[in-house]
C-alpha cells in the first residue's frame, strides 16, 4: 500500500531526526526533508506535529505489544517474563532503536501524548499483576525492565556481560510463577 509506505517512511524519518539531532530538532520541515517528501506530502499523512507524535507513540506501543506477545508465545513465559524479555534492547543496532528514541521525543515534546502510553502501560500492569503469583515481584521485574531499557537506550551505564545476564536472570526469576 503506497500510502502506508509513505506514512511509515515519515515515522522512520521522524525517529531518525530525533536520533541524530535530538527532540528539539523534531519539526515538520525536518521530517519532510529527512523523508524526501514535500511538507504538503507530510501534512497529507499527519496534519500537525501532534498527529506525527501520536503516530510515533502508537507505532512504538504496537511494536512493543507485539514483542511481548511473541516472547510470551515462543518462550513459554509468564506475561511478566515476556515483558522483561521484550524490554531487553541490548542487542539492537542503532537504527533499530529509532522508534524508541521517537517515543521518548514524543513524550518529552508533547505531554498530552502520554495518555495513550499510560493506557497501554495500565493494561499491561493489570495483566501482569493478575497473572503473577506475587504481583509485587512481577511489578519490581517490570520496573527494573523499564529502567534497563532506558539505561540501554540512553547509554546510562547499563550492565554488560555476565553482570547483565545475572541481572536479567534475576528479573526473570522475579517474574516467574511460583
N, C-alpha and C. Protein backbone atom coordinates (compact mmCIF):
# COMPACT_ATOMS: atom_id res chain seq x y z
N UNK A 1 0.84 -1.18 0.00
CA UNK A 1 0.00 0.00 0.00
C UNK A 1 0.89 1.24 0.00
N UNK A 2 0.89 2.02 -1.08
CA UNK A 2 1.78 3.17 -1.19
C UNK A 2 1.59 4.20 -0.09
N UNK A 3 0.36 4.51 0.30
CA UNK A 3 0.13 5.49 1.37
C UNK A 3 0.72 5.04 2.68
N UNK A 4 0.58 3.73 2.96
CA UNK A 4 1.14 3.18 4.18
C UNK A 4 2.66 3.22 4.17
N UNK A 5 3.25 3.01 2.99
CA UNK A 5 4.70 3.08 2.86
C UNK A 5 5.20 4.48 3.17
N UNK A 6 4.50 5.50 2.64
CA UNK A 6 4.91 6.89 2.89
C UNK A 6 4.74 7.23 4.37
N UNK A 7 3.65 6.81 4.94
CA UNK A 7 3.41 7.07 6.37
C UNK A 7 4.53 6.44 7.21
N UNK A 8 4.87 5.19 6.92
CA UNK A 8 5.95 4.51 7.64
C UNK A 8 7.27 5.23 7.43
N UNK A 9 7.52 5.66 6.20
CA UNK A 9 8.76 6.38 5.90
C UNK A 9 8.82 7.69 6.69
N UNK A 10 7.69 8.37 6.83
CA UNK A 10 7.67 9.61 7.61
C UNK A 10 7.92 9.34 9.09
N UNK A 11 7.34 8.29 9.61
CA UNK A 11 7.58 7.94 11.02
C UNK A 11 9.04 7.55 11.25
N UNK A 12 9.60 6.80 10.32
CA UNK A 12 11.02 6.43 10.42
C UNK A 12 11.90 7.68 10.31
N UNK A 13 11.52 8.60 9.44
CA UNK A 13 12.29 9.84 9.28
C UNK A 13 12.23 10.67 10.57
N UNK A 14 11.07 10.73 11.19
CA UNK A 14 10.94 11.47 12.45
C UNK A 14 11.85 10.88 13.52
N UNK A 15 11.87 9.56 13.62
CA UNK A 15 12.75 8.91 14.59
C UNK A 15 14.21 9.17 14.26
N UNK A 16 14.56 9.18 12.97
CA UNK A 16 15.95 9.44 12.57
C UNK A 16 16.36 10.86 12.93
N UNK A 17 15.47 11.82 12.73
CA UNK A 17 15.76 13.21 13.10
C UNK A 17 16.06 13.30 14.59
N UNK A 18 15.22 12.66 15.39
CA UNK A 18 15.40 12.69 16.85
C UNK A 18 16.70 12.01 17.24
N UNK A 19 16.98 10.87 16.64
CA UNK A 19 18.19 10.11 16.98
C UNK A 19 19.44 10.91 16.68
N UNK A 20 19.46 11.57 15.53
CA UNK A 20 20.67 12.30 15.12
C UNK A 20 20.78 13.69 15.73
N UNK A 21 19.65 14.39 15.87
CA UNK A 21 19.71 15.81 16.24
C UNK A 21 19.02 16.15 17.55
N UNK A 22 18.32 15.21 18.15
CA UNK A 22 17.64 15.46 19.41
C UNK A 22 16.18 15.86 19.21
N UNK A 23 15.43 15.77 20.30
CA UNK A 23 13.98 16.03 20.25
C UNK A 23 13.65 17.45 19.83
N UNK A 24 14.50 18.40 20.19
CA UNK A 24 14.23 19.79 19.85
C UNK A 24 14.26 20.03 18.34
N UNK A 25 14.91 19.15 17.60
CA UNK A 25 15.01 19.30 16.15
C UNK A 25 13.83 18.68 15.41
N UNK A 26 12.92 18.06 16.13
CA UNK A 26 11.78 17.40 15.50
C UNK A 26 10.76 18.45 15.06
N UNK A 27 10.86 18.83 13.80
CA UNK A 27 9.91 19.77 13.19
C UNK A 27 9.34 19.09 11.95
N UNK A 28 8.20 19.59 11.50
CA UNK A 28 7.61 19.04 10.28
C UNK A 28 8.54 19.22 9.10
N UNK A 29 9.19 20.38 9.02
CA UNK A 29 10.12 20.64 7.92
C UNK A 29 11.28 19.64 7.94
N UNK A 30 11.83 19.37 9.13
CA UNK A 30 12.96 18.45 9.24
C UNK A 30 12.55 17.03 8.86
N UNK A 31 11.37 16.63 9.27
CA UNK A 31 10.89 15.28 8.95
C UNK A 31 10.63 15.16 7.45
N UNK A 32 10.01 16.17 6.85
CA UNK A 32 9.76 16.13 5.40
C UNK A 32 11.08 16.02 4.64
N UNK A 33 12.06 16.81 5.04
CA UNK A 33 13.36 16.77 4.37
C UNK A 33 14.01 15.40 4.54
N UNK A 34 13.98 14.87 5.73
CA UNK A 34 14.58 13.55 6.00
C UNK A 34 13.91 12.46 5.18
N UNK A 35 12.60 12.55 5.01
CA UNK A 35 11.87 11.53 4.25
C UNK A 35 11.85 11.80 2.76
N UNK A 36 12.41 12.93 2.36
CA UNK A 36 12.43 13.34 0.95
C UNK A 36 11.01 13.44 0.37
N UNK A 37 10.13 14.06 1.15
CA UNK A 37 8.78 14.37 0.66
C UNK A 37 8.54 15.86 0.89
N UNK A 38 7.57 16.41 0.20
CA UNK A 38 7.23 17.81 0.41
C UNK A 38 6.54 17.96 1.76
N UNK A 39 6.53 19.17 2.28
CA UNK A 39 5.83 19.39 3.53
C UNK A 39 4.34 19.10 3.34
N UNK A 40 3.82 19.42 2.16
CA UNK A 40 2.42 19.10 1.86
C UNK A 40 2.17 17.60 1.89
N UNK A 41 3.14 16.83 1.41
CA UNK A 41 3.03 15.37 1.45
C UNK A 41 3.00 14.87 2.89
N UNK A 42 3.82 15.46 3.72
CA UNK A 42 3.81 15.10 5.14
C UNK A 42 2.47 15.46 5.76
N UNK A 43 1.98 16.67 5.46
CA UNK A 43 0.72 17.13 6.05
C UNK A 43 -0.48 16.31 5.57
N UNK A 44 -0.35 15.67 4.43
CA UNK A 44 -1.41 14.78 3.96
C UNK A 44 -1.57 13.61 4.93
N UNK A 45 -0.46 13.12 5.44
CA UNK A 45 -0.48 11.97 6.35
C UNK A 45 -0.61 12.37 7.81
N UNK A 46 -0.03 13.50 8.17
CA UNK A 46 -0.05 13.99 9.55
C UNK A 46 -0.35 15.49 9.50
N UNK A 47 -1.55 15.86 9.89
CA UNK A 47 -1.99 17.25 9.75
C UNK A 47 -1.29 18.21 10.71
N UNK A 48 -0.57 17.68 11.69
CA UNK A 48 0.11 18.53 12.67
C UNK A 48 1.26 17.75 13.29
N UNK A 49 2.10 18.47 13.99
CA UNK A 49 3.19 17.82 14.71
C UNK A 49 2.61 16.86 15.76
N UNK A 50 1.53 17.26 16.39
CA UNK A 50 0.90 16.40 17.40
C UNK A 50 0.45 15.07 16.79
N UNK A 51 -0.13 15.11 15.57
CA UNK A 51 -0.52 13.86 14.92
C UNK A 51 0.69 12.99 14.60
N UNK A 52 1.79 13.63 14.21
CA UNK A 52 3.02 12.90 13.95
C UNK A 52 3.51 12.24 15.24
N UNK A 53 3.51 12.98 16.33
CA UNK A 53 3.94 12.44 17.61
C UNK A 53 3.02 11.30 18.06
N UNK A 54 1.72 11.49 17.89
CA UNK A 54 0.77 10.42 18.23
C UNK A 54 1.07 9.17 17.40
N UNK A 55 1.39 9.36 16.13
CA UNK A 55 1.72 8.23 15.26
C UNK A 55 2.98 7.52 15.72
N UNK A 56 3.97 8.29 16.17
CA UNK A 56 5.20 7.69 16.66
C UNK A 56 4.94 6.85 17.90
N UNK A 57 4.16 7.38 18.83
CA UNK A 57 3.86 6.65 20.06
C UNK A 57 3.00 5.43 19.77
N UNK A 58 2.00 5.59 18.92
CA UNK A 58 1.14 4.45 18.58
C UNK A 58 1.96 3.33 17.93
N UNK A 59 2.87 3.68 17.06
CA UNK A 59 3.72 2.68 16.42
C UNK A 59 4.60 1.98 17.43
N UNK A 60 5.18 2.74 18.33
CA UNK A 60 6.04 2.13 19.34
C UNK A 60 5.24 1.18 20.24
N UNK A 61 4.08 1.64 20.70
CA UNK A 61 3.28 0.80 21.58
C UNK A 61 2.83 -0.48 20.88
N UNK A 62 2.49 -0.37 19.62
CA UNK A 62 2.10 -1.54 18.84
C UNK A 62 3.27 -2.51 18.69
N UNK A 63 4.45 -2.00 18.38
CA UNK A 63 5.63 -2.85 18.24
C UNK A 63 5.99 -3.53 19.55
N UNK A 64 5.97 -2.76 20.64
CA UNK A 64 6.32 -3.32 21.94
C UNK A 64 5.30 -4.37 22.36
N UNK A 65 4.02 -4.09 22.13
CA UNK A 65 2.98 -5.07 22.44
C UNK A 65 3.17 -6.36 21.66
N UNK A 66 3.55 -6.25 20.39
CA UNK A 66 3.79 -7.43 19.56
C UNK A 66 5.01 -8.20 20.06
N UNK A 67 6.04 -7.50 20.51
CA UNK A 67 7.23 -8.17 21.05
C UNK A 67 6.90 -8.92 22.33
N UNK A 68 6.06 -8.33 23.17
CA UNK A 68 5.63 -9.01 24.39
C UNK A 68 4.87 -10.28 24.01
N UNK A 69 3.93 -10.17 23.07
CA UNK A 69 3.12 -11.32 22.66
C UNK A 69 3.99 -12.42 22.07
N UNK A 70 4.98 -12.05 21.27
CA UNK A 70 5.88 -13.04 20.68
C UNK A 70 6.69 -13.73 21.77
N UNK A 71 7.23 -12.95 22.70
CA UNK A 71 8.02 -13.54 23.79
C UNK A 71 7.16 -14.46 24.65
N UNK A 72 5.92 -14.09 24.86
CA UNK A 72 5.03 -14.91 25.67
C UNK A 72 4.69 -16.21 24.95
N UNK A 73 4.44 -16.13 23.65
CA UNK A 73 4.05 -17.32 22.88
C UNK A 73 5.21 -18.27 22.62
N UNK A 74 6.39 -17.73 22.37
CA UNK A 74 7.51 -18.58 21.98
C UNK A 74 8.38 -19.01 23.15
N UNK A 75 8.32 -18.27 24.24
CA UNK A 75 9.22 -18.58 25.34
C UNK A 75 8.60 -19.37 26.46
N UNK A 76 7.32 -19.74 26.34
CA UNK A 76 6.66 -20.42 27.44
C UNK A 76 6.72 -19.58 28.70
N UNK A 77 6.58 -18.28 28.52
CA UNK A 77 6.80 -17.33 29.61
C UNK A 77 5.49 -16.86 30.23
N UNK A 78 5.61 -16.42 31.47
CA UNK A 78 4.52 -15.66 32.05
C UNK A 78 4.48 -14.31 31.33
N UNK A 79 3.41 -13.59 31.47
CA UNK A 79 3.33 -12.27 30.87
C UNK A 79 4.46 -11.38 31.40
N UNK A 80 4.72 -11.46 32.69
CA UNK A 80 5.78 -10.63 33.29
C UNK A 80 7.15 -10.99 32.70
N UNK A 81 7.44 -12.26 32.51
CA UNK A 81 8.71 -12.66 31.91
C UNK A 81 8.79 -12.18 30.46
N UNK A 82 7.69 -12.28 29.73
CA UNK A 82 7.66 -11.81 28.35
C UNK A 82 7.93 -10.31 28.29
N UNK A 83 7.39 -9.57 29.25
CA UNK A 83 7.61 -8.13 29.32
C UNK A 83 9.10 -7.84 29.52
N UNK A 84 9.73 -8.57 30.44
CA UNK A 84 11.16 -8.39 30.69
C UNK A 84 11.96 -8.69 29.43
N UNK A 85 11.65 -9.79 28.76
CA UNK A 85 12.38 -10.17 27.55
C UNK A 85 12.20 -9.13 26.44
N UNK A 86 10.98 -8.64 26.28
CA UNK A 86 10.70 -7.66 25.23
C UNK A 86 11.38 -6.32 25.50
N UNK A 87 11.66 -6.03 26.75
CA UNK A 87 12.30 -4.76 27.12
C UNK A 87 13.80 -4.76 26.89
N UNK A 88 14.39 -5.92 26.68
CA UNK A 88 15.85 -6.01 26.53
C UNK A 88 16.24 -5.64 25.10
N UNK A 89 16.78 -4.44 24.94
CA UNK A 89 17.17 -3.95 23.61
C UNK A 89 18.69 -3.90 23.46
N UNK A 90 19.40 -4.61 24.31
CA UNK A 90 20.86 -4.54 24.30
C UNK A 90 21.48 -4.97 22.97
N UNK A 91 20.86 -5.90 22.27
CA UNK A 91 21.44 -6.38 21.03
C UNK A 91 21.00 -5.61 19.79
N UNK A 92 20.20 -4.59 19.97
CA UNK A 92 19.69 -3.84 18.83
C UNK A 92 20.74 -2.92 18.25
N UNK A 93 20.74 -2.78 16.94
CA UNK A 93 21.58 -1.79 16.27
C UNK A 93 20.95 -0.41 16.48
N UNK A 94 21.75 0.62 16.27
CA UNK A 94 21.26 1.98 16.49
C UNK A 94 20.00 2.28 15.69
N UNK A 95 19.95 1.84 14.46
CA UNK A 95 18.77 2.10 13.62
C UNK A 95 17.53 1.43 14.19
N UNK A 96 17.71 0.27 14.84
CA UNK A 96 16.57 -0.43 15.41
C UNK A 96 16.01 0.30 16.63
N UNK A 97 16.79 1.16 17.22
CA UNK A 97 16.34 1.89 18.40
C UNK A 97 15.61 3.18 18.03
N UNK A 98 15.46 3.44 16.75
CA UNK A 98 14.88 4.70 16.29
C UNK A 98 13.48 4.93 16.85
N UNK A 99 12.65 3.89 16.86
CA UNK A 99 11.30 4.10 17.37
C UNK A 99 11.31 4.36 18.87
N UNK A 100 12.30 3.81 19.57
CA UNK A 100 12.42 4.06 21.00
C UNK A 100 12.75 5.54 21.25
N UNK A 101 13.68 6.06 20.46
CA UNK A 101 14.01 7.49 20.58
C UNK A 101 12.79 8.33 20.23
N UNK A 102 12.06 7.90 19.22
CA UNK A 102 10.86 8.61 18.82
C UNK A 102 9.85 8.68 19.94
N UNK A 103 9.70 7.58 20.65
CA UNK A 103 8.77 7.55 21.77
C UNK A 103 9.18 8.56 22.83
N UNK A 104 10.44 8.54 23.22
CA UNK A 104 10.90 9.49 24.23
C UNK A 104 10.72 10.93 23.78
N UNK A 105 11.02 11.19 22.52
CA UNK A 105 10.86 12.54 21.98
C UNK A 105 9.41 12.97 22.04
N UNK A 106 8.51 12.08 21.65
CA UNK A 106 7.10 12.40 21.64
C UNK A 106 6.61 12.70 23.05
N UNK A 107 7.02 11.90 23.99
CA UNK A 107 6.58 12.10 25.37
C UNK A 107 7.15 13.38 25.97
N UNK A 108 8.39 13.69 25.61
CA UNK A 108 9.02 14.90 26.13
C UNK A 108 8.46 16.16 25.48
N UNK A 109 8.21 16.08 24.18
CA UNK A 109 7.78 17.26 23.44
C UNK A 109 6.31 17.60 23.66
N UNK A 110 5.50 16.61 23.91
CA UNK A 110 4.05 16.79 23.97
C UNK A 110 3.49 15.94 25.10
N UNK A 111 3.45 16.46 26.32
CA UNK A 111 2.97 15.65 27.44
C UNK A 111 1.58 15.04 27.23
N UNK A 112 0.74 15.66 26.41
CA UNK A 112 -0.58 15.11 26.14
C UNK A 112 -0.52 13.77 25.44
N UNK A 113 0.58 13.48 24.78
CA UNK A 113 0.75 12.21 24.08
C UNK A 113 0.85 11.06 25.09
N UNK A 114 1.15 11.39 26.32
CA UNK A 114 1.29 10.38 27.37
C UNK A 114 0.01 9.59 27.61
N UNK A 115 -1.14 10.13 27.29
CA UNK A 115 -2.41 9.46 27.59
C UNK A 115 -2.45 8.05 27.00
N UNK A 116 -2.05 7.92 25.75
CA UNK A 116 -2.06 6.61 25.10
C UNK A 116 -1.07 5.66 25.77
N UNK A 117 0.13 6.14 26.04
CA UNK A 117 1.12 5.30 26.70
C UNK A 117 0.65 4.89 28.10
N UNK A 118 0.06 5.81 28.82
CA UNK A 118 -0.45 5.49 30.16
C UNK A 118 -1.51 4.40 30.10
N UNK A 119 -2.37 4.49 29.12
CA UNK A 119 -3.43 3.49 28.96
C UNK A 119 -2.84 2.11 28.70
N UNK A 120 -1.91 2.02 27.76
CA UNK A 120 -1.29 0.72 27.45
C UNK A 120 -0.53 0.17 28.66
N UNK A 121 0.25 1.03 29.30
CA UNK A 121 1.01 0.56 30.46
C UNK A 121 0.08 0.14 31.60
N UNK A 122 -1.03 0.83 31.75
CA UNK A 122 -2.01 0.43 32.76
C UNK A 122 -2.58 -0.95 32.49
N UNK A 123 -2.89 -1.21 31.21
CA UNK A 123 -3.39 -2.54 30.82
C UNK A 123 -2.33 -3.60 31.05
N UNK A 124 -1.08 -3.29 30.66
CA UNK A 124 -0.01 -4.27 30.84
C UNK A 124 0.24 -4.55 32.32
N UNK A 125 0.22 -3.51 33.14
CA UNK A 125 0.44 -3.70 34.58
C UNK A 125 -0.68 -4.52 35.19
N UNK A 126 -1.92 -4.25 34.80
CA UNK A 126 -3.05 -5.03 35.33
C UNK A 126 -2.91 -6.50 34.93
N UNK A 127 -2.56 -6.74 33.69
CA UNK A 127 -2.39 -8.13 33.23
C UNK A 127 -1.25 -8.81 33.96
N UNK A 128 -0.17 -8.08 34.15
CA UNK A 128 0.99 -8.61 34.85
C UNK A 128 0.62 -8.99 36.28
N UNK A 129 -0.07 -8.10 36.99
CA UNK A 129 -0.43 -8.34 38.39
C UNK A 129 -1.44 -9.47 38.52
N UNK A 130 -2.39 -9.55 37.58
CA UNK A 130 -3.41 -10.61 37.63
C UNK A 130 -2.82 -11.99 37.41
N UNK A 131 -1.80 -12.07 36.56
CA UNK A 131 -1.24 -13.37 36.20
C UNK A 131 -0.08 -13.81 37.06
N UNK A 132 0.33 -13.01 38.00
CA UNK A 132 1.52 -13.34 38.79
C UNK A 132 1.14 -13.98 40.12
N UNK A 133 1.96 -14.92 40.54
CA UNK A 133 1.79 -15.50 41.86
C UNK A 133 2.07 -14.43 42.91
N UNK A 134 3.05 -13.58 42.64
CA UNK A 134 3.38 -12.47 43.54
C UNK A 134 3.40 -11.19 42.71
N UNK A 135 2.33 -10.40 42.77
CA UNK A 135 2.25 -9.18 41.98
C UNK A 135 3.35 -8.15 42.32
N UNK A 136 3.84 -8.19 43.55
CA UNK A 136 4.91 -7.26 43.92
C UNK A 136 6.19 -7.63 43.18
N UNK A 137 6.57 -8.90 43.21
CA UNK A 137 7.78 -9.33 42.50
C UNK A 137 7.65 -9.06 41.00
N UNK A 138 6.50 -9.36 40.43
CA UNK A 138 6.29 -9.14 39.00
C UNK A 138 6.38 -7.65 38.66
N UNK A 139 5.85 -6.81 39.53
CA UNK A 139 5.92 -5.36 39.29
C UNK A 139 7.35 -4.85 39.42
N UNK A 140 8.09 -5.37 40.40
CA UNK A 140 9.50 -5.00 40.53
C UNK A 140 10.26 -5.40 39.27
N UNK A 141 9.97 -6.57 38.72
CA UNK A 141 10.62 -7.02 37.49
C UNK A 141 10.27 -6.07 36.34
N UNK A 142 9.02 -5.66 36.23
CA UNK A 142 8.61 -4.73 35.16
C UNK A 142 9.33 -3.41 35.30
N UNK A 143 9.36 -2.87 36.50
CA UNK A 143 10.02 -1.58 36.72
C UNK A 143 11.52 -1.67 36.45
N UNK A 144 12.14 -2.78 36.84
CA UNK A 144 13.56 -2.98 36.55
C UNK A 144 13.78 -3.08 35.04
N UNK A 145 12.88 -3.78 34.34
CA UNK A 145 13.00 -3.90 32.88
C UNK A 145 12.88 -2.52 32.22
N UNK A 146 11.96 -1.71 32.71
CA UNK A 146 11.83 -0.35 32.18
C UNK A 146 13.10 0.46 32.41
N UNK A 147 13.68 0.30 33.58
CA UNK A 147 14.93 1.01 33.89
C UNK A 147 16.10 0.53 33.04
N UNK A 148 16.17 -0.77 32.81
CA UNK A 148 17.24 -1.33 31.97
C UNK A 148 17.07 -0.84 30.53
N UNK A 149 15.82 -0.81 30.06
CA UNK A 149 15.53 -0.30 28.71
C UNK A 149 16.04 1.14 28.57
N UNK A 150 15.73 1.96 29.55
CA UNK A 150 16.15 3.36 29.50
C UNK A 150 17.67 3.49 29.57
N UNK A 151 18.31 2.70 30.42
CA UNK A 151 19.77 2.74 30.52
C UNK A 151 20.40 2.32 29.20
N UNK A 152 19.86 1.29 28.56
CA UNK A 152 20.37 0.86 27.25
C UNK A 152 20.17 1.95 26.21
N UNK A 153 18.98 2.49 26.17
CA UNK A 153 18.62 3.46 25.14
C UNK A 153 19.48 4.71 25.22
N UNK A 154 19.70 5.20 26.43
CA UNK A 154 20.42 6.46 26.61
C UNK A 154 21.90 6.28 26.93
N UNK A 155 22.36 5.05 26.99
CA UNK A 155 23.76 4.81 27.30
C UNK A 155 24.11 5.20 28.73
N UNK A 156 23.22 4.89 29.65
CA UNK A 156 23.41 5.27 31.06
C UNK A 156 23.97 4.12 31.88
N UNK A 157 25.17 3.68 31.53
CA UNK A 157 25.89 2.64 32.27
C UNK A 157 25.06 1.39 32.47
N UNK A 158 24.42 0.94 31.42
CA UNK A 158 23.68 -0.33 31.50
C UNK A 158 24.67 -1.46 31.77
N UNK A 159 24.29 -2.42 32.60
CA UNK A 159 25.20 -3.53 32.87
C UNK A 159 25.47 -4.32 31.59
N UNK A 160 26.66 -4.90 31.52
CA UNK A 160 27.06 -5.68 30.34
C UNK A 160 27.61 -7.03 30.78
N UNK A 161 27.78 -7.90 29.81
CA UNK A 161 28.44 -9.19 30.06
C UNK A 161 27.73 -10.04 31.09
N UNK A 162 28.53 -10.67 31.94
CA UNK A 162 28.00 -11.58 32.94
C UNK A 162 27.06 -10.88 33.91
N UNK A 163 27.39 -9.65 34.28
CA UNK A 163 26.52 -8.92 35.20
C UNK A 163 25.14 -8.73 34.57
N UNK A 164 25.10 -8.36 33.30
CA UNK A 164 23.82 -8.17 32.62
C UNK A 164 23.02 -9.47 32.62
N UNK A 165 23.68 -10.57 32.28
CA UNK A 165 22.99 -11.86 32.25
C UNK A 165 22.43 -12.21 33.63
N UNK A 166 23.18 -11.93 34.67
CA UNK A 166 22.71 -12.22 36.03
C UNK A 166 21.54 -11.31 36.42
N UNK A 167 21.60 -10.05 36.01
CA UNK A 167 20.50 -9.12 36.29
C UNK A 167 19.23 -9.58 35.57
N UNK A 168 19.36 -9.92 34.29
CA UNK A 168 18.20 -10.41 33.53
C UNK A 168 17.63 -11.69 34.15
N UNK A 169 18.52 -12.60 34.55
CA UNK A 169 18.06 -13.84 35.18
C UNK A 169 17.28 -13.54 36.46
N UNK A 170 17.75 -12.59 37.24
CA UNK A 170 17.04 -12.24 38.48
C UNK A 170 15.69 -11.62 38.16
N UNK A 171 15.64 -10.76 37.15
CA UNK A 171 14.37 -10.15 36.77
C UNK A 171 13.39 -11.24 36.31
N UNK A 172 13.87 -12.19 35.52
CA UNK A 172 13.00 -13.28 35.05
C UNK A 172 12.56 -14.16 36.21
N UNK A 173 13.42 -14.34 37.17
CA UNK A 173 13.06 -15.12 38.36
C UNK A 173 11.93 -14.43 39.13
N UNK A 174 12.05 -13.11 39.28
CA UNK A 174 11.00 -12.36 39.98
C UNK A 174 9.68 -12.43 39.21
N UNK A 175 9.76 -12.52 37.91
CA UNK A 175 8.56 -12.52 37.07
C UNK A 175 7.95 -13.91 36.88
N UNK A 176 8.60 -14.94 37.41
CA UNK A 176 8.13 -16.31 37.21
C UNK A 176 6.92 -16.60 38.10
N UNK A 177 6.17 -17.59 37.68
CA UNK A 177 5.09 -18.10 38.53
C UNK A 177 5.72 -18.89 39.65
N UNK A 178 5.12 -18.87 40.77
CA UNK A 178 5.66 -19.62 41.92
C UNK A 178 4.77 -20.77 42.26
